[in-house]
Amino acid sequence: MQRIYDPESLMEAEMLLGMLDSEGIVAHLVGRDLVGGIGDLPAIGLLGLTVANDQAGYARQLIAEYNAALPMPGEEPDSFPGTLVC
């Protein structure tokens, strides 16, 4: 298993888990149970996505494409230009 990405939030982690699953990649979220103790634990590096060694390259590629995605013209809210509407 390789740790391939450190999501910024539990919501991002869950979304990425679903995206990877839809591509046939079995991913695991490390640190999910620690989020409740955030007041006593460091906030950075708490969450991590792990995948099997043979799927790590493809999973990293998918996450890089996700991070590089831009909104379609006219689909971002006026108050938050450059933000994807989900």
Protein backbone atom coordinates (compact mmCIF):
# COMPACT_ATOMS: atom_id res chain seq x y z
CA MET A 1 0.00 0.00 0.00
CA GLN A 2 1.15 3.52 -0.79
CA ARG A 3 -0.07 6.79 0.64
CA ILE A 4 -0.80 8.79 -2.51
CA TYR A 5 -2.60 11.94 -1.36
CA ASP A 6 -3.35 14.00 1.74
CA PRO A 7 -6.86 15.47 1.36
CA GLU A 8 -7.59 18.86 2.89
CA SER A 9 -10.86 17.73 4.44
CA LEU A 10 -13.02 14.70 5.09
CA MET A 11 -15.42 15.89 2.38
CA GLU A 12 -12.65 16.00 -0.23
CA ALA A 13 -11.43 12.59 0.91
CA GLU A 14 -14.88 11.01 0.53
CA MET A 15 -15.32 12.55 -2.92
CA LEU A 16 -11.94 11.25 -4.06
CA LEU A 17 -12.70 7.80 -2.67
CA GLY A 18 -15.85 7.73 -4.81
CA MET A 19 -13.99 8.95 -7.90
CA LEU A 20 -11.26 6.34 -7.49
CA ASP A 21 -13.83 3.61 -6.85
CA SER A 22 -15.67 4.55 -10.06
CA GLU A 23 -12.38 3.95 -11.91
CA GLY A 24 -11.91 0.52 -10.31
CA ILE A 25 -9.29 1.60 -7.78
CA VAL A 26 -9.70 0.35 -4.25
CA ALA A 27 -8.60 3.17 -1.95
CA HIS A 28 -8.57 3.45 1.83
CA LEU A 29 -8.82 6.56 3.95
CA VAL A 30 -6.32 6.71 6.80
CA GLY A 31 -7.16 8.96 9.74
CA ARG A 32 -10.94 9.14 9.31
CA ASP A 33 -11.49 8.19 12.94
CA LEU A 34 -9.05 10.86 14.15
CA VAL A 35 -10.96 13.81 12.68
CA GLY A 36 -13.17 14.07 15.79
CA GLY A 37 -10.10 14.78 17.92
CA ILE A 38 -8.91 17.65 15.74
CA GLY A 39 -8.72 20.02 18.73
CA ASP A 40 -6.03 17.87 20.32
CA LEU A 41 -4.29 16.69 17.15
CA PRO A 42 -2.39 18.53 14.41
CA ALA A 43 -4.79 19.53 11.62
CA ILE A 44 -2.36 18.90 8.75
CA GLY A 45 -1.46 15.41 7.60
CA LEU A 46 -4.25 13.74 9.55
CA LEU A 47 -6.01 12.26 6.51
CA GLY A 48 -4.40 10.20 3.78
CA LEU A 49 -5.54 8.12 0.83
CA THR A 50 -3.77 4.80 0.30
CA VAL A 51 -3.98 2.39 -2.62
CA ALA A 52 -2.31 -0.84 -3.69
CA ASN A 53 1.19 -0.40 -5.10
CA ASP A 54 0.16 -1.47 -8.62
CA GLN A 55 -2.65 1.14 -8.73
CA ALA A 56 -0.70 4.07 -7.25
CA GLY A 57 0.44 5.61 -10.54
CA TYR A 58 -3.03 5.64 -12.09
CA ALA A 59 -4.61 6.92 -8.87
CA ARG A 60 -2.09 9.78 -8.67
CA GLN A 61 -2.82 10.65 -12.31
CA LEU A 62 -6.58 10.80 -11.65
CA ILE A 63 -6.12 12.99 -8.58
CA ALA A 64 -3.77 15.32 -10.49
CA GLU A 65 -6.42 15.68 -13.21
CA TYR A 66 -9.05 16.39 -10.55
CA ASN A 67 -6.86 19.10 -9.00
CA ALA A 68 -6.19 20.66 -12.42
CA ALA A 69 -9.91 20.81 -13.40
CA LEU A 70 -11.31 24.22 -14.23
CA PRO A 71 -14.98 25.23 -14.28
CA MET A 72 -16.80 25.43 -17.59
CA PRO A 73 -17.50 29.02 -18.63
CA GLY A 74 -20.74 30.18 -17.06
CA GLU A 75 -20.88 27.37 -14.51
CA GLU A 76 -19.11 29.12 -11.64
CA PRO A 77 -21.07 31.28 -9.21
CA ASP A 78 -20.72 35.06 -9.64
CA SER A 79 -19.59 35.50 -6.04
CA PHE A 80 -16.85 32.85 -6.37
CA PRO A 81 -15.29 33.08 -9.86
CA GLY A 82 -13.07 30.14 -10.73
CA THR A 83 -14.95 27.80 -8.37
CA LEU A 84 -16.56 24.60 -9.62
CA VAL A 85 -20.29 24.26 -9.00
CA CYS A 86 -21.07 20.82 -7.61
